[in-house]
Protein backbone atom coordinates (compact mmCIF):
# COMPACT_ATOMS: atom_id res chain seq x y z
CA MET A 1 -11.34 96.88 76.62
CA GLU A 2 -8.89 98.20 74.18
CA TYR A 3 -7.09 94.81 74.18
CA SER A 4 -10.37 92.95 73.48
CA SER A 5 -11.21 95.25 70.56
CA LYS A 6 -7.76 94.75 69.07
CA LYS A 7 -8.10 91.00 69.38
CA ASN A 8 -11.43 91.00 67.59
CA ARG A 9 -10.01 93.05 64.76
CA LEU A 10 -7.12 90.62 64.28
CA TRP A 11 -9.53 87.68 64.28
CA ARG A 12 -11.62 89.26 61.53
CA ILE A 13 -8.53 89.94 59.45
CA GLY A 14 -7.36 86.32 59.80
CA LEU A 15 -10.78 85.02 58.91
CA THR A 16 -10.82 87.17 55.80
CA LEU A 17 -7.37 85.98 54.77
CA GLY A 18 -8.42 82.36 55.28
CA VAL A 19 -11.46 82.84 53.09
CA LEU A 20 -9.28 84.43 50.43
CA VAL A 21 -6.77 81.56 50.56
CA VAL A 22 -9.47 78.90 50.32
CA GLY A 23 -11.10 80.75 47.40
CA ALA A 24 -7.82 81.12 45.63
CA ALA A 25 -7.06 77.42 46.10
CA GLY A 26 -10.49 76.50 44.78
CA THR A 27 -10.04 78.73 41.80
CA ILE A 28 -6.65 77.20 41.04
CA LEU A 29 -8.02 73.65 41.33
CA THR A 30 -11.00 74.57 39.18
CA VAL A 31 -8.81 76.09 36.51
CA LYS A 32 -6.41 73.14 36.67
CA PHE A 33 -9.09 70.49 36.30
CA LYS A 34 -10.83 72.56 33.64
CA THR A 35 -7.56 72.89 31.75
CA LYS A 36 -6.97 69.16 31.91
CA ALA A 37 -10.50 68.46 30.81
CA GLU A 38 -10.21 70.92 27.94
CA SER A 39 -6.78 69.60 26.93
CA LYS A 40 -8.00 66.00 26.68
CA PRO A 41 -9.32 65.50 23.12
CA SER A 42 -12.48 63.60 22.44
CA GLU A 43 -11.64 59.95 21.70
CA ARG A 44 -12.13 58.74 18.07
CA LYS A 45 -11.81 55.14 16.93
CA LEU A 46 -9.51 55.14 13.88
CA PRO A 47 -9.02 52.08 11.65
CA SER A 48 -5.92 50.06 12.54
CA VAL A 49 -3.64 48.96 9.69
CA ARG A 50 -0.64 46.73 9.26
CA VAL A 51 2.37 48.04 7.38
CA ILE A 52 5.70 46.89 6.04
CA THR A 53 8.78 49.05 5.64
CA ALA A 54 9.91 49.41 2.03
CA LYS A 55 13.46 48.38 1.26
CA PRO A 56 15.16 47.56 -2.07
CA ASP A 57 15.74 43.89 -2.80
CA THR A 58 16.93 41.43 -5.46
CA TYR A 59 14.15 39.37 -7.00
CA THR A 60 14.22 36.25 -9.16
CA PHE A 61 11.09 36.01 -11.25
CA GLN A 62 9.02 32.83 -10.88
CA ILE A 63 6.72 32.47 -13.89
CA GLN A 64 3.76 30.14 -13.42
CA SER A 65 2.09 28.14 -16.15
CA GLN A 66 0.57 24.72 -16.79
CA GLY A 67 0.45 22.07 -19.48
CA THR A 68 0.32 18.39 -20.35
CA ALA A 69 3.37 16.14 -20.41
CA LEU A 70 3.88 14.25 -23.66
CA PRO A 71 6.73 12.15 -25.09
CA ARG A 72 9.22 14.02 -27.23
CA THR A 73 8.77 11.44 -30.00
CA THR A 74 5.61 9.45 -30.75
CA ILE A 75 5.25 7.46 -33.97
CA PRO A 76 2.86 4.89 -35.46
CA LEU A 77 4.44 1.51 -36.18
CA VAL A 78 3.41 0.41 -39.69
CA SER A 79 4.05 -2.60 -41.88
CA GLU A 80 6.42 -2.12 -44.81
CA VAL A 81 5.53 -5.50 -46.37
CA SER A 82 2.45 -7.69 -46.70
CA GLY A 83 1.96 -10.99 -44.96
CA LYS A 84 0.71 -12.84 -41.92
CA VAL A 85 1.89 -11.89 -38.44
CA VAL A 86 3.65 -15.03 -37.21
CA SER A 87 5.04 -13.82 -33.87
CA MET A 88 4.92 -10.90 -31.44
CA SER A 89 7.43 -10.10 -28.73
CA LYS A 90 6.30 -9.90 -25.11
CA LYS A 91 7.65 -6.36 -25.20
CA PHE A 92 5.15 -5.45 -27.91
CA ASP A 93 2.25 -4.78 -25.57
CA ALA A 94 0.83 -1.58 -24.12
CA GLY A 95 3.01 -0.22 -21.33
CA GLN A 96 5.98 -2.49 -22.05
CA VAL A 97 9.48 -1.05 -22.39
CA PHE A 98 11.83 -1.96 -25.24
CA ASN A 99 15.36 -1.15 -26.36
CA LYS A 100 16.56 0.14 -29.68
CA ASN A 101 16.66 -2.58 -32.41
CA ASP A 102 14.54 -5.03 -30.38
CA ILE A 103 12.37 -7.22 -32.65
CA LEU A 104 8.78 -6.38 -31.71
CA LEU A 105 6.89 -8.31 -34.38
CA THR A 106 7.61 -10.74 -37.22
CA ILE A 107 5.72 -11.16 -40.51
CA ASP A 108 5.87 -14.43 -42.46
CA GLN A 109 9.21 -14.39 -44.32
CA ARG A 110 8.86 -17.39 -46.65
CA ASP A 111 7.65 -15.51 -49.71
CA TYR A 112 10.40 -12.94 -49.26
CA GLU A 113 13.07 -15.59 -48.82
CA LEU A 114 11.98 -17.09 -52.15
CA ALA A 115 12.00 -13.66 -53.75
CA LEU A 116 15.55 -13.12 -52.53
CA ALA A 117 16.66 -16.48 -53.90
CA GLN A 118 15.12 -15.66 -57.26
CA ALA A 119 16.80 -12.26 -57.29
CA LYS A 120 20.16 -13.87 -56.58
CA ALA A 121 19.62 -16.29 -59.48
CA THR A 122 18.68 -13.46 -61.83
CA LEU A 123 21.78 -11.59 -60.75
CA ALA A 124 23.96 -14.61 -61.49
CA GLN A 125 22.43 -14.95 -64.96
CA ALA A 126 22.97 -11.29 -65.69
CA ASP A 127 26.56 -11.50 -64.57
CA LEU A 128 27.17 -14.53 -66.77
CA ARG A 129 25.58 -12.86 -69.78
CA LEU A 130 27.79 -9.82 -69.31
CA GLN A 131 30.91 -11.95 -69.18
CA MET A 132 29.85 -13.68 -72.42
CA GLU A 133 29.19 -10.37 -74.14
CA VAL A 134 32.60 -9.04 -73.07
CA LYS A 135 34.36 -12.08 -74.53
CA GLU A 136 32.31 -12.06 -77.74
CA ALA A 137 32.95 -8.36 -78.26
CA ALA A 138 36.67 -8.93 -77.84
CA VAL A 139 36.65 -11.71 -80.48
CA VAL A 140 34.68 -9.57 -82.94
CA ARG A 141 37.06 -6.63 -82.49
CA ARG A 142 40.16 -8.80 -83.03
CA GLU A 143 38.79 -10.53 -86.15
CA TRP A 144 37.57 -7.25 -87.68
CA LYS A 145 41.00 -5.66 -87.31
CA LEU A 146 42.67 -8.74 -88.73
CA ILE A 147 40.48 -8.77 -91.83
CA ASN A 148 39.91 -5.06 -92.45
CA GLN A 149 43.05 -3.56 -90.87
CA VAL A 150 40.91 -0.87 -89.17
CA GLU A 151 39.11 -0.47 -85.86
CA PRO A 152 35.49 -1.63 -85.97
CA THR A 153 32.67 0.79 -85.28
CA GLY A 154 30.64 0.58 -82.08
CA LEU A 155 27.88 -1.33 -83.75
CA GLN A 156 30.35 -3.68 -85.38
CA ALA A 157 32.10 -4.27 -82.00
CA ARG A 158 28.78 -5.26 -80.34
CA GLU A 159 28.87 -2.27 -78.00
CA PRO A 160 25.01 -2.03 -77.81
CA GLN A 161 24.80 -5.68 -76.73
CA LEU A 162 27.56 -5.07 -74.16
CA ALA A 163 25.73 -2.01 -72.73
CA GLU A 164 22.49 -3.99 -72.53
CA ALA A 165 24.21 -6.76 -70.57
CA LYS A 166 25.70 -4.22 -68.15
CA ALA A 167 22.27 -2.63 -67.60
CA ALA A 168 20.70 -6.01 -66.96
CA LEU A 169 23.36 -6.76 -64.37
CA ALA A 170 22.75 -3.44 -62.60
CA ALA A 171 18.99 -4.07 -62.57
CA ALA A 172 19.54 -7.54 -61.13
CA GLN A 173 21.73 -6.09 -58.39
CA VAL A 174 19.02 -3.56 -57.47
CA ALA A 175 16.35 -6.30 -57.47
CA MET A 176 18.47 -8.38 -55.12
CA GLU A 177 19.00 -5.46 -52.72
CA SER A 178 15.25 -4.79 -52.75
CA ALA A 179 14.54 -8.44 -51.98
CA LYS A 180 17.03 -8.27 -49.09
CA HIS A 181 15.34 -5.18 -47.66
CA ASN A 182 11.87 -6.73 -47.95
CA LEU A 183 13.09 -9.79 -46.10
CA GLN A 184 14.58 -7.60 -43.37
CA ARG A 185 11.32 -5.65 -43.15
CA CYS A 186 9.53 -8.81 -42.09
CA LYS A 187 11.10 -8.25 -38.69
CA ILE A 188 9.69 -5.03 -37.17
CA ARG A 189 12.47 -3.52 -35.07
CA ALA A 190 12.26 -0.70 -32.53
CA PRO A 191 13.80 2.47 -34.03
CA PHE A 192 14.66 3.86 -30.57
CA GLU A 193 14.45 3.08 -26.86
CA GLY A 194 10.93 3.57 -25.64
CA MET A 195 7.55 2.19 -24.60
CA VAL A 196 4.52 0.77 -26.37
CA ALA A 197 1.47 3.03 -26.26
CA LYS A 198 -0.89 0.55 -27.93
CA THR A 199 -1.00 -2.38 -30.34
CA SER A 200 -3.37 -2.84 -33.28
CA VAL A 201 -2.69 -6.40 -34.49
CA ARG A 202 -2.48 -9.90 -33.08
CA PRO A 203 -0.58 -13.05 -34.18
CA GLY A 204 -2.14 -14.74 -37.24
CA GLN A 205 -3.57 -11.50 -38.61
CA PHE A 206 -2.81 -10.67 -42.24
CA VAL A 207 -1.43 -7.20 -42.83
CA THR A 208 -0.78 -5.26 -45.99
CA LEU A 209 1.65 -2.51 -46.85
CA SER A 210 1.24 0.51 -44.48
CA THR A 211 -1.07 -1.34 -42.06
CA LYS A 212 -0.83 0.30 -38.63
CA LEU A 213 0.60 -2.24 -36.19
CA GLY A 214 0.64 -0.06 -33.08
CA GLU A 215 2.00 3.15 -31.57
CA ILE A 216 5.26 3.65 -29.68
CA PHE A 217 6.98 6.60 -28.01
CA SER A 218 10.46 7.42 -26.79
CA THR A 219 11.28 7.51 -23.07
CA ASP A 220 14.45 9.60 -23.22
CA PHE A 221 12.66 12.94 -22.83
CA ALA A 222 9.18 14.24 -22.09
CA GLU A 223 8.06 17.67 -23.22
CA VAL A 224 5.45 20.10 -21.91
CA ARG A 225 4.12 23.06 -23.89
CA LEU A 226 3.64 25.95 -21.47
CA PRO A 227 1.55 28.98 -22.50
CA LEU A 228 2.89 32.43 -21.58
CA THR A 229 1.92 36.00 -22.30
CA ALA A 230 4.34 38.20 -24.21
CA SER A 231 5.14 40.15 -21.03
CA GLU A 232 5.87 36.95 -19.07
CA LEU A 233 8.19 35.78 -21.83
CA ASN A 234 10.32 38.90 -21.26
CA PHE A 235 11.26 37.65 -17.79
CA ILE A 236 12.80 34.41 -19.14
CA GLU A 237 16.27 34.28 -20.69
CA LEU A 238 15.81 32.22 -23.84
CA PRO A 239 18.19 31.94 -26.81
CA SER A 240 17.31 33.75 -29.99
CA PRO A 241 15.78 31.67 -32.80
CA GLY A 242 18.51 29.64 -34.45
CA ASP A 243 20.92 29.93 -31.51
CA SER A 244 21.83 26.81 -29.56
CA ILE A 245 22.12 26.53 -25.78
CA LEU A 246 23.45 23.81 -23.50
CA LEU A 247 20.72 21.96 -21.65
CA ASP A 248 22.16 22.70 -18.20
CA GLN A 249 22.29 26.42 -19.03
CA ALA A 250 18.65 26.65 -20.10
CA PRO A 251 16.07 28.18 -17.71
CA ALA A 252 15.09 25.72 -14.98
CA VAL A 253 11.48 24.65 -14.54
CA THR A 254 9.79 22.72 -11.74
CA LEU A 255 6.74 20.64 -12.60
CA SER A 256 4.28 19.37 -10.03
CA SER A 257 1.14 17.29 -9.96
CA GLN A 258 -1.19 16.08 -7.24
CA ALA A 259 -1.95 12.37 -6.96
CA GLY A 260 -4.44 12.00 -4.14
CA ASN A 261 -2.71 13.22 -0.99
CA GLN A 262 0.72 12.90 -2.59
CA SER A 263 2.46 15.79 -4.31
CA LEU A 264 4.73 14.73 -7.19
CA GLU A 265 7.55 16.89 -8.54
CA TRP A 266 9.93 16.80 -11.51
CA HIS A 267 12.68 19.12 -12.72
CA GLY A 268 13.49 20.10 -16.28
CA ARG A 269 14.66 22.90 -18.57
CA ILE A 270 13.05 25.30 -21.03
CA VAL A 271 14.72 24.31 -24.30
CA ARG A 272 12.93 26.44 -26.88
CA SER A 273 9.99 28.70 -27.62
CA GLU A 274 7.50 28.49 -30.45
CA GLU A 275 7.93 31.74 -32.30
CA THR A 276 4.34 31.99 -33.51
CA VAL A 277 1.51 33.48 -31.45
CA ASP A 278 -1.53 31.28 -30.97
CA PRO A 279 -4.31 33.03 -32.94
CA LEU A 280 -7.01 31.79 -30.55
CA ASN A 281 -5.65 32.92 -27.18
CA ARG A 282 -2.79 35.25 -28.24
CA LEU A 283 -0.31 33.28 -26.13
CA ILE A 284 3.20 32.09 -26.90
CA TYR A 285 4.29 28.58 -25.98
CA VAL A 286 7.63 27.60 -24.51
CA VAL A 287 8.68 23.95 -24.34
CA ALA A 288 9.96 22.35 -21.16
CA GLN A 289 12.01 19.19 -21.51
CA ILE A 290 12.33 16.56 -18.75
CA LYS A 291 15.06 13.94 -19.02
CA ASP A 292 14.21 10.28 -18.33
CA PRO A 293 10.58 10.97 -17.33
CA TYR A 294 9.87 7.32 -16.51
CA GLY A 295 12.96 6.98 -14.34
CA LEU A 296 14.23 3.98 -16.32
CA ALA A 297 17.87 5.04 -16.04
CA LYS A 298 17.77 5.84 -12.32
CA HIS A 299 14.92 3.52 -11.36
CA LYS A 300 12.82 6.32 -9.91
CA ALA A 301 9.54 5.50 -8.23
CA LEU A 302 7.61 8.51 -9.58
CA PRO A 303 7.32 8.44 -13.38
CA LEU A 304 6.01 11.43 -15.29
CA ARG A 305 3.46 9.56 -17.36
CA SER A 306 2.35 10.68 -20.77
CA GLY A 307 -0.80 12.80 -20.52
CA THR A 308 -0.15 14.02 -16.96
CA PHE A 309 -1.42 17.57 -16.35
CA VAL A 310 1.23 19.55 -14.46
CA GLN A 311 1.68 22.96 -12.87
CA ALA A 312 4.94 24.66 -13.82
CA ILE A 313 7.14 27.26 -12.15
CA ILE A 314 9.80 28.66 -14.48
CA LYS A 315 12.87 30.29 -12.96
CA GLY A 316 13.29 33.61 -14.76
CA ARG A 317 15.95 36.28 -14.74
CA THR A 318 17.07 38.16 -11.61
CA GLN A 319 16.31 41.87 -11.13
CA GLU A 320 18.16 44.06 -8.64
CA LYS A 321 17.01 47.18 -6.74
CA VAL A 322 13.29 46.50 -6.80
CA PHE A 323 10.67 46.64 -4.07
CA VAL A 324 8.93 43.32 -3.41
CA LEU A 325 5.61 43.69 -1.61
CA PRO A 326 2.85 41.25 -0.68
CA ARG A 327 0.24 40.96 -3.41
CA GLN A 328 -2.46 42.42 -1.13
CA ALA A 329 -0.49 45.68 -0.90
CA LEU A 330 -1.42 46.48 -4.53
CA ARG A 331 -4.74 48.29 -4.92
CA GLY A 332 -6.12 47.90 -8.40
CA LYS A 333 -3.57 47.87 -11.18
CA ASP A 334 -0.98 50.41 -10.05
CA ARG A 335 -1.80 51.92 -6.67
CA ILE A 336 -0.59 51.37 -3.12
CA TRP A 337 -1.40 53.01 0.23
CA ILE A 338 1.34 54.81 2.14
CA ALA A 339 1.09 55.47 5.90
CA THR A 340 2.55 58.97 6.33
CA PRO A 341 2.79 60.84 9.67
CA ALA A 342 1.51 64.43 9.66
CA PHE A 343 3.92 67.32 10.25
CA SER A 344 2.24 68.16 13.53
CA LEU A 345 2.66 64.61 14.74
CA THR A 346 6.32 64.68 13.80
CA LEU A 347 6.69 67.93 15.70
CA GLN A 348 5.04 66.33 18.74
CA HIS A 349 7.50 63.45 18.39
CA TRP A 350 10.35 65.97 18.58
CA LEU A 351 8.76 67.43 21.69
CA GLY A 352 8.68 64.06 23.45
CA TYR A 353 5.46 62.32 22.45
CA ARG A 354 5.62 58.69 21.30
CA GLU A 355 4.91 58.61 17.56
CA HIS A 356 3.25 55.18 17.55
CA ASP A 357 0.60 56.54 19.86
CA GLN A 358 -0.38 59.09 17.22
CA PRO A 359 -2.38 58.50 14.00
CA SER A 360 -0.92 58.63 10.49
CA TYR A 361 -2.37 59.71 7.18
CA LEU A 362 -3.30 57.13 4.50
CA ILE A 363 -2.01 58.49 1.18
CA PHE A 364 -2.73 57.08 -2.29
CA ARG A 365 0.39 56.46 -4.41
CA SER A 366 0.59 55.41 -8.07
CA VAL A 367 3.53 53.08 -8.74
CA ASP A 368 5.36 51.40 -11.62
CA VAL A 369 4.43 47.71 -11.42
CA LEU A 370 7.04 45.46 -13.04
CA TYR A 371 5.49 42.07 -12.25
CA THR A 372 2.73 40.47 -10.21
CA ASP A 373 1.78 36.93 -9.29
CA ALA A 374 -0.49 35.34 -6.69
CA LYS A 375 2.01 36.08 -3.91
CA ASP A 376 4.15 39.11 -4.75
CA VAL A 377 4.09 42.42 -6.55
CA VAL A 378 7.40 43.79 -7.83
CA ILE A 379 7.70 47.57 -8.11
CA THR A 380 10.44 49.70 -9.64
CA GLY A 381 10.82 53.27 -8.37
CA SER A 382 7.87 55.32 -7.06
CA ILE A 383 8.74 54.24 -3.50
CA GLN A 384 11.34 55.59 -1.10
CA THR A 385 13.35 53.32 1.17
CA GLY A 386 11.86 53.36 4.65
CA GLU A 387 8.34 54.30 3.64
CA GLN A 388 5.57 52.35 5.34
CA ILE A 389 3.30 50.44 2.96
CA ILE A 390 -0.16 49.47 4.18
CA THR A 391 -1.03 45.80 3.65
CA SER A 392 -4.39 45.68 5.45
CA LEU A 393 -7.73 45.54 3.64
CA LEU A 394 -10.02 48.50 4.38
CA ALA A 395 -13.44 49.58 3.15
CA GLY A 396 -14.52 53.11 2.39
CA VAL A 397 -10.96 54.41 2.07
CA ILE A 398 -10.43 58.13 1.47
CA ASN A 399 -7.15 59.67 0.41
CA GLY A 400 -5.68 61.50 3.43
CA MET A 401 -7.77 59.74 6.08
CA GLU A 402 -6.24 59.06 9.50
CA VAL A 403 -5.27 55.52 10.54
CA ASN A 404 -3.48 53.86 13.42
CA ILE A 405 -0.48 51.65 12.65
CA GLN A 406 -1.11 48.37 14.42
CA SER A 407 2.06 46.40 13.70
CA GLU A 408 4.58 45.71 10.98
CA ALA A 409 3.79 42.76 8.74
CA SER A 410 6.31 40.19 7.59
CA THR A 411 8.40 41.30 4.61
CA ASN A 412 9.68 37.89 3.54
CA PRO A 413 9.10 37.54 -0.22
């Protein structure tokens, strides 16, 4: 009896302990799951952004412009004498090439040949008259001294007649030279190597003095006037007005044009700038020069024809220790967005969390913009090496908002 009572008491104690253990375990599990549930933050969808890491670089400025290619020299060809056009060279036609001193056109020479012959005859007469006056003056001087035993005066020695004969001879010489030149002018010669732009006369046509015969241009160089702003001009190393510079040391320029599906390209140099500002657009023009634009010396297949509209890229000076960012990284005129981790996130990183799993703050930053074009923005200072610059486009941006860094964009300039 006593043994049975003791056994029952032990059973009740064990049952109580079991209940306590189960309750304690349940409490622990409840607290554990509750703690995990409370420790898990509510999920928020933050905007993802791409970034690049800022690092100093060396940048060569590429200044873009545009203009129309024209010959360096274009002149009208005019008649210097009157007469009928008796012949025209095959080279004197639009688009034809000629060499220096080639005869392009001939005007009837017969009247000018007669004029030259007459001038030569007049010169011979004047020379003969002068010789006669010299001899007669010598006779008069000798006879006067023999009779009067004194030197004759100038009038008595026929000095006025002698001076008149000398003047007549000089005038005859000038008339003959003029007749020679007029005869030579009947043959219209090319003053330089070039090409015919257009012709205005045909064989058999009568022309007078200063009649326009056509228009020609040189093919040694083409020139393109390129408009630039004053700030863009500062990035190009040009000589000061009055200073000379070797052509191969001048700033390089690449010209391009599109002909259907074919892209054409030529290379030249910036040889000078026009020192006056255009009053209409407030721009300054620099002049690019392209050697042998028609490829006549090297027999190129892609001539830079007169009147071609071209895009130009001018190689400017080189700047060191600047930050070159994609153009889309610039917000407005002088602002960029920096992705900056919060202090608490950095602390969590120290404690073992992965930083890229944590959001960053988007911070506005004003910067010193040195240069911008369609592709790049060049910044001096205002950025620290290693900072992450946001390149993504976002709407409704607030300074200090949280963002997730998605990936690092390409930093190739």
